[in-house]
Amino acid sequence: MEKDGGWLAEGAYDDFVRSLCSSDPRLRQRDPKAQIQRIPFTDDGVRVVKLSLGDDGTFIRTAQFEEPADLETHLRNATASQQGQKNIYILEGLGPGFAGVFGHHFSLHPSVFVEHERVVVHNVNWTGESDGAQLPSVVRSRGHVEMKYYEVVTFDTRPTSFRWVCAATGRHIGVSREFRWDNSPDDEFDRFLNVGVVRRKCGVWSRRTGGGGWD
């Protein structure tokens, strides 16, 4: 298990991540719980969608990327020609290649990525496994906000226990039993509801660019 920050990003951004490990111990290693659950941290299945604001005030999809190298080429070529443009890049999923490209191009603090990766909610371990709330002064200095929300989902297969996690993120999925007034002796497994609550995350970062534009 790498404990020097090398797991989080690839490319030139990797050195920057390693240099900040002392100030943010969470950067040193992946969440151990995610590793125990064998949750992969790769660029497989990760997608980036670019939306641009048109003159009519509506957003249109102008590009989509499924490989970090393609995104890197696009950002490098677009920098000189996007004066005044208003763009939104939506990153769905997370892997070291995409983290490296976005982090290097936009000079992002790597905590924006590690906060999205974390599975453990609260932990007093000094190694920084916790996903607890940061101090307001810290949040302000890093320029991004990580928000948590819940999504209600329906399962194709009825749960058989409370130990359910998302296969993509490792985050806990809340399930519940069906309430019965008559204390029916039905099989215990049949009393689980086929709906649950998935814990989601959304991180937001922005900057202003020349000519009144923004990303």
Protein backbone atom coordinates (compact mmCIF):
# COMPACT_ATOMS: atom_id res chain seq x y z
CA MET A 1 0.00 0.00 0.00
CA GLU A 2 1.52 3.33 -1.07
CA LYS A 3 1.76 5.86 1.73
CA ASP A 4 3.44 8.74 -0.07
CA GLY A 5 0.54 10.08 -2.13
CA GLY A 6 1.56 8.27 -5.31
CA TRP A 7 -1.78 6.48 -5.61
CA LEU A 8 -3.89 9.59 -6.21
CA ALA A 9 -2.66 11.01 -9.51
CA GLU A 10 -0.45 10.41 -12.51
CA GLY A 11 1.80 12.70 -14.51
CA ALA A 12 3.36 16.01 -13.45
CA TYR A 13 0.66 16.55 -10.80
CA ASP A 14 1.94 13.57 -8.82
CA ASP A 15 4.93 15.50 -7.43
CA PHE A 16 2.62 18.27 -6.20
CA VAL A 17 0.42 15.74 -4.40
CA ARG A 18 3.40 14.15 -2.66
CA SER A 19 4.66 17.55 -1.49
CA LEU A 20 1.40 18.21 0.39
CA CYS A 21 1.15 14.90 2.26
CA SER A 22 2.50 16.41 5.47
CA SER A 23 -0.12 19.16 5.53
CA ASP A 24 -2.97 16.78 4.63
CA PRO A 25 -2.27 13.19 5.81
CA ARG A 26 -5.30 11.91 3.89
CA LEU A 27 -3.25 12.24 0.71
CA ARG A 28 -0.76 9.61 1.80
CA GLN A 29 -2.87 6.56 1.07
CA ARG A 30 -6.21 5.30 -0.15
CA ASP A 31 -9.00 4.78 2.32
CA PRO A 32 -8.11 1.38 3.87
CA LYS A 33 -11.78 0.43 4.01
CA ALA A 34 -12.10 0.87 0.25
CA GLN A 35 -9.12 -1.41 -0.24
CA ILE A 36 -10.53 -4.06 2.09
CA GLN A 37 -13.70 -3.98 0.02
CA ARG A 38 -11.56 -4.26 -3.14
CA ILE A 39 -12.95 -1.09 -4.67
CA PRO A 40 -10.77 -0.27 -7.70
CA PHE A 41 -9.29 3.20 -8.21
CA THR A 42 -8.74 3.33 -11.95
CA ASP A 43 -9.81 5.39 -14.94
CA ASP A 44 -11.99 2.57 -16.27
CA GLY A 45 -15.53 3.79 -16.81
CA VAL A 46 -14.68 7.40 -15.92
CA ARG A 47 -16.17 10.02 -18.22
CA VAL A 48 -15.83 13.79 -18.65
CA VAL A 49 -18.53 15.85 -20.32
CA LYS A 50 -17.90 19.46 -21.34
CA LEU A 51 -20.79 21.94 -21.46
CA SER A 52 -20.42 25.43 -22.94
CA LEU A 53 -22.74 28.40 -22.44
CA GLY A 54 -24.05 29.70 -25.75
CA ASP A 55 -25.04 33.24 -26.73
CA ASP A 56 -28.69 32.34 -26.15
CA GLY A 57 -28.04 31.53 -22.49
CA THR A 58 -28.34 27.75 -22.81
CA PHE A 59 -25.71 25.09 -22.25
CA ILE A 60 -24.76 22.69 -25.03
CA ARG A 61 -22.58 19.61 -24.88
CA THR A 62 -19.42 20.41 -26.82
CA ALA A 63 -17.14 17.48 -25.98
CA GLN A 64 -16.88 14.16 -24.16
CA PHE A 65 -13.76 12.31 -23.02
CA GLU A 66 -13.24 8.78 -21.80
CA GLU A 67 -9.42 8.76 -21.85
CA PRO A 68 -7.17 11.08 -19.79
CA ALA A 69 -4.83 11.62 -22.75
CA ASP A 70 -7.67 12.95 -24.92
CA LEU A 71 -8.76 15.35 -22.18
CA GLU A 72 -5.20 16.55 -21.69
CA THR A 73 -4.82 17.28 -25.41
CA HIS A 74 -8.12 19.15 -25.48
CA LEU A 75 -7.26 21.33 -22.48
CA ARG A 76 -3.82 22.14 -23.85
CA ASN A 77 -5.18 23.17 -27.25
CA ALA A 78 -8.23 25.01 -25.93
CA THR A 79 -6.39 27.29 -23.50
CA ALA A 80 -5.29 29.78 -26.14
CA SER A 81 -8.68 29.99 -27.88
CA GLN A 82 -11.21 30.08 -25.05
CA GLN A 83 -11.02 33.74 -24.05
CA GLY A 84 -14.41 34.75 -22.72
CA GLN A 85 -15.85 31.24 -22.90
CA LYS A 86 -17.98 29.86 -20.08
CA ASN A 87 -17.42 26.13 -19.65
CA ILE A 88 -18.46 23.40 -17.25
CA TYR A 89 -16.50 20.14 -17.03
CA ILE A 90 -18.45 17.32 -15.39
CA LEU A 91 -16.27 14.47 -14.12
CA GLU A 92 -18.28 11.29 -13.57
CA GLY A 93 -16.21 8.84 -11.54
CA LEU A 94 -12.58 9.29 -10.54
CA GLY A 95 -9.23 7.75 -11.40
CA PRO A 96 -5.54 8.74 -11.16
CA GLY A 97 -5.24 9.69 -14.83
CA PHE A 98 -8.14 12.14 -14.82
CA ALA A 99 -7.14 13.48 -11.40
CA GLY A 100 -3.67 14.18 -12.76
CA VAL A 101 -4.94 15.98 -15.86
CA PHE A 102 -7.49 18.17 -14.09
CA GLY A 103 -5.25 18.82 -11.10
CA HIS A 104 -2.28 19.91 -13.19
CA HIS A 105 -4.22 22.03 -15.70
CA PHE A 106 -6.37 23.90 -13.18
CA SER A 107 -3.83 23.87 -10.29
CA LEU A 108 -6.33 22.14 -7.99
CA HIS A 109 -5.59 21.30 -4.38
CA PRO A 110 -5.52 17.46 -4.31
CA SER A 111 -7.90 17.37 -1.34
CA VAL A 112 -10.73 17.84 -3.86
CA PHE A 113 -10.02 14.34 -5.15
CA VAL A 114 -9.26 12.59 -1.88
CA GLU A 115 -12.47 13.90 -0.32
CA HIS A 116 -14.43 12.34 -3.15
CA GLU A 117 -12.61 9.02 -2.76
CA ARG A 118 -13.06 8.65 1.00
CA VAL A 119 -15.45 5.96 2.30
CA VAL A 120 -14.99 6.19 6.08
CA VAL A 121 -17.17 8.96 7.47
CA HIS A 122 -15.57 9.52 10.89
CA ASN A 123 -12.32 8.10 12.20
CA VAL A 124 -9.98 9.44 14.90
CA ASN A 125 -6.99 7.69 13.33
CA TRP A 126 -4.21 10.22 12.79
CA THR A 127 -3.45 8.79 9.34
CA GLY A 128 -6.35 10.74 7.92
CA GLU A 129 -8.85 8.09 6.97
CA SER A 130 -11.76 10.23 8.12
CA ASP A 131 -14.17 11.90 5.72
CA GLY A 132 -15.38 14.29 8.40
CA ALA A 133 -16.06 17.99 7.91
CA GLN A 134 -13.10 20.32 7.44
CA LEU A 135 -12.62 23.62 9.24
CA PRO A 136 -14.16 26.61 7.38
CA SER A 137 -10.74 28.26 7.12
CA VAL A 138 -9.35 25.15 5.41
CA VAL A 139 -12.27 24.92 2.98
CA ARG A 140 -11.88 28.57 2.02
CA SER A 141 -8.17 28.28 1.29
CA ARG A 142 -8.58 25.24 -0.97
CA GLY A 143 -11.16 26.79 -3.26
CA HIS A 144 -13.57 23.88 -3.58
CA VAL A 145 -16.65 22.52 -1.84
CA GLU A 146 -17.51 18.83 -1.38
CA MET A 147 -21.21 18.15 -0.87
CA LYS A 148 -22.89 14.94 0.24
CA TYR A 149 -26.40 13.94 -0.72
CA TYR A 150 -28.60 10.87 -0.76
CA GLU A 151 -30.27 9.03 -3.63
CA VAL A 152 -33.19 6.65 -3.20
CA VAL A 153 -32.85 3.57 -5.43
CA THR A 154 -34.80 0.40 -6.14
CA PHE A 155 -32.98 -2.94 -6.19
CA ASP A 156 -33.52 -5.70 -8.74
CA THR A 157 -32.73 -8.17 -5.97
CA ARG A 158 -34.12 -7.77 -2.48
CA PRO A 159 -31.32 -7.27 0.12
CA THR A 160 -30.52 -10.14 2.45
CA SER A 161 -28.54 -8.16 5.06
CA PHE A 162 -27.66 -4.64 6.17
CA ARG A 163 -24.09 -4.93 4.84
CA TRP A 164 -24.58 -3.41 1.39
CA VAL A 165 -22.05 -1.11 -0.29
CA CYS A 166 -21.75 0.52 -3.70
CA ALA A 167 -19.49 -1.60 -5.93
CA ALA A 168 -18.10 1.53 -7.64
CA THR A 169 -17.36 3.73 -4.60
CA GLY A 170 -17.47 1.46 -1.54
CA ARG A 171 -19.91 3.79 0.20
CA HIS A 172 -22.58 2.32 2.42
CA ILE A 173 -26.08 1.69 1.06
CA GLY A 174 -28.75 2.07 3.70
CA VAL A 175 -31.47 -0.61 3.68
CA SER A 176 -34.35 -1.35 6.02
CA ARG A 177 -36.74 -4.10 6.98
CA GLU A 178 -40.43 -4.07 6.27
CA PHE A 179 -42.45 -3.16 9.36
CA ARG A 180 -45.14 -5.64 10.38
CA TRP A 181 -47.65 -5.01 13.15
CA ASP A 182 -48.54 -8.66 13.57
CA ASN A 183 -44.96 -9.92 14.14
CA SER A 184 -45.38 -12.31 11.25
CA PRO A 185 -43.09 -15.38 11.44
CA ASP A 186 -42.14 -15.05 7.77
CA ASP A 187 -38.56 -15.72 6.78
CA GLU A 188 -36.27 -12.94 8.05
CA PHE A 189 -34.82 -12.28 4.60
CA ASP A 190 -38.25 -11.57 3.16
CA ARG A 191 -38.71 -8.60 5.45
CA PHE A 192 -36.07 -6.42 3.77
CA LEU A 193 -37.45 -3.68 1.55
CA ASN A 194 -36.34 -3.56 -2.09
CA VAL A 195 -35.45 0.15 -1.82
CA GLY A 196 -32.40 1.77 -0.25
CA VAL A 197 -30.50 5.01 0.19
CA VAL A 198 -27.16 5.47 -1.59
CA ARG A 199 -24.67 8.02 -0.29
CA ARG A 200 -23.40 10.26 -3.08
CA LYS A 201 -20.86 13.08 -3.34
CA CYS A 202 -20.46 16.12 -5.56
CA GLY A 203 -17.42 18.39 -5.57
CA VAL A 204 -17.45 21.90 -7.10
CA TRP A 205 -14.55 24.18 -8.04
CA SER A 206 -14.53 27.30 -10.23
CA ARG A 207 -12.31 30.06 -11.55
CA ARG A 208 -12.65 33.23 -13.63
CA THR A 209 -10.79 33.55 -16.92
CA GLY A 210 -9.94 36.41 -19.24
CA GLY A 211 -12.64 38.25 -21.15
CA GLY A 212 -15.33 37.55 -18.56
CA GLY A 213 -15.16 33.79 -18.98
CA TRP A 214 -15.11 31.06 -16.36
CA ASP A 215 -14.61 27.34 -15.85
